Structures are given as C-alpha cells and as structure tokens.
Amino acid sequence: MSYKGNSQKPPRKDCAYSEQEMDQLRPFKADYEKASQAERVILMKTRILPTIFNYWTAQGKRPTAQAGPVKAQVNENALSRN
C-alpha cells in the first residue's frame, strides 16, 4: 500500500484497529478534527461508536472480559457537599 504525502500517513504500529475497522472510522476524521471538545464527545457518542459497534456486530465479534468496564474507586467525601 502506498501513502501519499501528509494526507495519508502509514498506520501506527500499535494501532488496535484493523484496516477494515479503520475504513469504518475514516469518514468521521475531518468532522472530528474540526470539532470542539464538546462536539467531539457528541460525535463519538452519536456517530463514531455506533458505527464501529455495528460493524463489530455484523462481523460477529463479541466483547471479551478484558474489554469490560473499568472500575474506579470513588471518594465519598468528594461527593458530599456539607
């Protein structure tokens, strides 16, 4: 595969996505780069994540135990406002 100038960089060696998965994500790149931080969150939740999860579902991929939710400790003092 050839890469032309700065418009197409070779994939990072530690990229977690396959070429087919990247094909699903590329259409959102320009919008994501132009968006503010708040707009990026909305874009991720409403367009990017549904697209990649729908792709994975169509491919028959299921999340593994390692891909499960991350648990964090909550400081109860930070939650109370006395």
N, C-alpha and C. Protein backbone atom coordinates (compact mmCIF):
# COMPACT_ATOMS: atom_id res chain seq x y z
N MET A 1 0.85 -1.17 0.00
CA MET A 1 0.00 0.00 0.00
C MET A 1 0.89 1.23 0.00
N SER A 2 0.60 2.18 -0.85
CA SER A 2 1.41 3.40 -0.89
C SER A 2 0.69 4.53 -0.17
N TYR A 3 1.48 5.44 0.39
CA TYR A 3 0.94 6.57 1.14
C TYR A 3 1.43 7.84 0.48
N LYS A 4 0.51 8.77 0.25
CA LYS A 4 0.83 9.98 -0.49
C LYS A 4 0.96 11.18 0.46
N GLY A 5 2.15 11.70 0.57
CA GLY A 5 2.37 12.92 1.34
C GLY A 5 1.83 12.84 2.75
N ASN A 6 1.44 14.00 3.29
CA ASN A 6 0.92 14.07 4.64
C ASN A 6 -0.56 13.73 4.73
N SER A 7 -1.26 13.68 3.58
CA SER A 7 -2.69 13.42 3.61
C SER A 7 -3.00 11.99 4.06
N GLN A 8 -2.10 11.07 3.77
CA GLN A 8 -2.27 9.69 4.21
C GLN A 8 -0.98 9.21 4.84
N LYS A 9 -0.99 9.07 6.14
CA LYS A 9 0.18 8.57 6.85
C LYS A 9 0.06 7.06 7.00
N PRO A 10 1.18 6.37 7.06
CA PRO A 10 1.08 4.93 7.32
C PRO A 10 0.49 4.70 8.71
N PRO A 11 -0.20 3.59 8.91
CA PRO A 11 -0.82 3.34 10.21
C PRO A 11 0.24 3.19 11.30
N ARG A 12 -0.13 3.59 12.50
CA ARG A 12 0.77 3.42 13.64
C ARG A 12 0.97 1.94 13.89
N LYS A 13 2.16 1.58 14.34
CA LYS A 13 2.47 0.18 14.58
C LYS A 13 1.66 -0.39 15.74
N ASP A 14 1.24 0.47 16.68
CA ASP A 14 0.48 0.00 17.83
C ASP A 14 -1.02 0.20 17.66
N CYS A 15 -1.48 0.41 16.44
CA CYS A 15 -2.89 0.64 16.16
C CYS A 15 -3.70 -0.61 16.54
N ALA A 16 -4.76 -0.40 17.29
CA ALA A 16 -5.58 -1.52 17.74
C ALA A 16 -6.66 -1.90 16.74
N TYR A 17 -6.83 -1.13 15.68
CA TYR A 17 -7.88 -1.38 14.70
C TYR A 17 -7.31 -1.99 13.43
N SER A 18 -8.08 -2.89 12.84
CA SER A 18 -7.69 -3.47 11.56
C SER A 18 -7.94 -2.46 10.45
N GLU A 19 -7.45 -2.76 9.27
CA GLU A 19 -7.65 -1.87 8.12
C GLU A 19 -9.14 -1.73 7.81
N GLN A 20 -9.90 -2.80 7.94
CA GLN A 20 -11.34 -2.76 7.68
C GLN A 20 -12.05 -1.90 8.72
N GLU A 21 -11.62 -1.98 9.96
CA GLU A 21 -12.21 -1.13 11.01
C GLU A 21 -11.87 0.33 10.76
N MET A 22 -10.65 0.59 10.33
CA MET A 22 -10.27 1.97 10.02
C MET A 22 -11.09 2.52 8.86
N ASP A 23 -11.46 1.67 7.91
CA ASP A 23 -12.32 2.10 6.81
C ASP A 23 -13.67 2.58 7.33
N GLN A 24 -14.14 1.99 8.42
CA GLN A 24 -15.40 2.42 9.02
C GLN A 24 -15.25 3.77 9.73
N LEU A 25 -14.06 4.05 10.25
CA LEU A 25 -13.83 5.26 11.05
C LEU A 25 -13.38 6.47 10.24
N ARG A 26 -12.74 6.24 9.11
CA ARG A 26 -12.17 7.34 8.31
C ARG A 26 -13.18 8.42 7.90
N PRO A 27 -14.43 8.10 7.57
CA PRO A 27 -15.36 9.15 7.16
C PRO A 27 -15.59 10.22 8.23
N PHE A 28 -15.30 9.92 9.47
CA PHE A 28 -15.54 10.86 10.57
C PHE A 28 -14.33 11.72 10.91
N LYS A 29 -13.19 11.43 10.31
CA LYS A 29 -11.94 12.08 10.69
C LYS A 29 -12.00 13.60 10.51
N ALA A 30 -12.45 14.08 9.36
CA ALA A 30 -12.47 15.52 9.10
C ALA A 30 -13.40 16.24 10.08
N ASP A 31 -14.59 15.69 10.29
CA ASP A 31 -15.52 16.31 11.24
C ASP A 31 -14.95 16.32 12.65
N TYR A 32 -14.31 15.22 13.04
CA TYR A 32 -13.73 15.11 14.38
C TYR A 32 -12.62 16.14 14.58
N GLU A 33 -11.77 16.31 13.59
CA GLU A 33 -10.65 17.25 13.72
C GLU A 33 -11.13 18.69 13.78
N LYS A 34 -12.25 19.01 13.14
CA LYS A 34 -12.78 20.37 13.14
C LYS A 34 -13.59 20.68 14.40
N ALA A 35 -14.05 19.67 15.09
CA ALA A 35 -14.98 19.84 16.20
C ALA A 35 -14.29 20.34 17.47
N SER A 36 -15.07 21.04 18.29
CA SER A 36 -14.59 21.44 19.61
C SER A 36 -14.61 20.21 20.51
N GLN A 37 -14.09 20.34 21.72
CA GLN A 37 -14.05 19.20 22.64
C GLN A 37 -15.47 18.70 22.94
N ALA A 38 -16.40 19.59 23.19
CA ALA A 38 -17.78 19.18 23.47
C ALA A 38 -18.42 18.52 22.25
N GLU A 39 -18.15 19.05 21.07
CA GLU A 39 -18.69 18.47 19.84
C GLU A 39 -18.09 17.10 19.57
N ARG A 40 -16.82 16.92 19.95
CA ARG A 40 -16.18 15.61 19.75
C ARG A 40 -16.86 14.54 20.59
N VAL A 41 -17.22 14.89 21.81
CA VAL A 41 -17.90 13.92 22.68
C VAL A 41 -19.23 13.50 22.04
N ILE A 42 -19.98 14.47 21.55
CA ILE A 42 -21.26 14.18 20.91
C ILE A 42 -21.05 13.34 19.66
N LEU A 43 -20.06 13.68 18.86
CA LEU A 43 -19.75 12.93 17.64
C LEU A 43 -19.38 11.49 17.97
N MET A 44 -18.57 11.30 19.00
CA MET A 44 -18.19 9.94 19.40
C MET A 44 -19.41 9.14 19.82
N LYS A 45 -20.26 9.74 20.66
CA LYS A 45 -21.42 9.01 21.19
C LYS A 45 -22.50 8.75 20.15
N THR A 46 -22.70 9.67 19.23
CA THR A 46 -23.83 9.55 18.31
C THR A 46 -23.48 8.96 16.95
N ARG A 47 -22.23 9.04 16.52
CA ARG A 47 -21.90 8.57 15.18
C ARG A 47 -20.76 7.56 15.15
N ILE A 48 -19.65 7.89 15.77
CA ILE A 48 -18.46 7.04 15.63
C ILE A 48 -18.62 5.71 16.36
N LEU A 49 -18.95 5.75 17.65
CA LEU A 49 -19.08 4.49 18.40
C LEU A 49 -20.20 3.61 17.87
N PRO A 50 -21.40 4.16 17.55
CA PRO A 50 -22.41 3.27 16.96
C PRO A 50 -21.94 2.62 15.66
N THR A 51 -21.20 3.36 14.84
CA THR A 51 -20.72 2.80 13.57
C THR A 51 -19.77 1.63 13.81
N ILE A 52 -18.80 1.80 14.70
CA ILE A 52 -17.83 0.72 14.91
C ILE A 52 -18.47 -0.46 15.62
N PHE A 53 -19.38 -0.20 16.57
CA PHE A 53 -20.04 -1.32 17.24
C PHE A 53 -20.98 -2.06 16.29
N ASN A 54 -21.66 -1.36 15.40
CA ASN A 54 -22.49 -2.02 14.40
C ASN A 54 -21.64 -2.87 13.46
N TYR A 55 -20.46 -2.35 13.11
CA TYR A 55 -19.54 -3.13 12.26
C TYR A 55 -19.11 -4.41 12.98
N TRP A 56 -18.72 -4.27 14.24
CA TRP A 56 -18.30 -5.45 15.00
C TRP A 56 -19.43 -6.46 15.13
N THR A 57 -20.64 -5.97 15.37
CA THR A 57 -21.79 -6.87 15.47
C THR A 57 -22.01 -7.61 14.16
N ALA A 58 -21.92 -6.89 13.04
CA ALA A 58 -22.10 -7.50 11.73
C ALA A 58 -21.01 -8.54 11.44
N GLN A 59 -19.82 -8.34 12.00
CA GLN A 59 -18.72 -9.28 11.80
C GLN A 59 -18.76 -10.43 12.79
N GLY A 60 -19.70 -10.39 13.73
CA GLY A 60 -19.84 -11.46 14.72
C GLY A 60 -18.85 -11.36 15.86
N LYS A 61 -18.26 -10.20 16.04
CA LYS A 61 -17.30 -10.02 17.14
C LYS A 61 -18.05 -9.70 18.42
N ARG A 62 -17.59 -10.27 19.50
CA ARG A 62 -18.19 -10.01 20.81
C ARG A 62 -17.12 -9.48 21.74
N PRO A 63 -17.51 -8.58 22.64
CA PRO A 63 -16.53 -8.06 23.59
C PRO A 63 -16.01 -9.18 24.50
N THR A 64 -14.75 -9.08 24.88
CA THR A 64 -14.15 -10.06 25.78
C THR A 64 -14.18 -9.52 27.20
N ALA A 65 -13.84 -10.36 28.14
CA ALA A 65 -13.80 -9.93 29.53
C ALA A 65 -12.78 -8.80 29.71
N GLN A 66 -11.71 -8.81 28.93
CA GLN A 66 -10.70 -7.77 29.04
C GLN A 66 -11.23 -6.43 28.55
N ALA A 67 -12.22 -6.45 27.68
CA ALA A 67 -12.77 -5.21 27.14
C ALA A 67 -13.92 -4.68 27.99
N GLY A 68 -14.11 -5.25 29.17
CA GLY A 68 -15.22 -4.85 30.03
C GLY A 68 -15.00 -3.48 30.66
N PRO A 69 -15.96 -3.06 31.45
CA PRO A 69 -15.88 -1.73 32.05
C PRO A 69 -14.72 -1.62 33.04
N VAL A 70 -14.19 -0.43 33.14
CA VAL A 70 -13.11 -0.16 34.08
C VAL A 70 -13.73 0.33 35.37
N LYS A 71 -13.34 -0.26 36.48
CA LYS A 71 -13.89 0.14 37.77
C LYS A 71 -12.91 1.10 38.43
N ALA A 72 -13.47 2.11 39.08
CA ALA A 72 -12.64 3.10 39.76
C ALA A 72 -13.17 3.31 41.17
N GLN A 73 -12.26 3.66 42.06
CA GLN A 73 -12.67 3.98 43.41
C GLN A 73 -13.25 5.38 43.44
N VAL A 74 -14.29 5.56 44.23
CA VAL A 74 -14.93 6.86 44.36
C VAL A 74 -14.67 7.37 45.76
N ASN A 75 -14.22 8.60 45.83
CA ASN A 75 -14.00 9.24 47.12
C ASN A 75 -15.33 9.82 47.57
N GLU A 76 -15.93 9.22 48.60
CA GLU A 76 -17.25 9.65 49.05
C GLU A 76 -17.23 11.07 49.58
N ASN A 77 -16.10 11.51 50.11
CA ASN A 77 -16.01 12.88 50.62
C ASN A 77 -16.14 13.90 49.49
N ALA A 78 -15.70 13.53 48.32
CA ALA A 78 -15.79 14.44 47.17
C ALA A 78 -17.24 14.58 46.71
N LEU A 79 -18.06 13.58 46.99
CA LEU A 79 -19.45 13.61 46.55
C LEU A 79 -20.36 14.40 47.49
N SER A 80 -19.99 14.45 48.75
CA SER A 80 -20.85 15.17 49.70
C SER A 80 -20.45 16.64 49.77
N ARG A 81 -21.46 17.47 49.81
CA ARG A 81 -21.22 18.92 49.88
C ARG A 81 -21.91 19.47 51.12
N ASN A 82 -21.28 19.31 52.24
CA ASN A 82 -21.85 19.79 53.52
C ASN A 82 -21.52 21.22 53.76
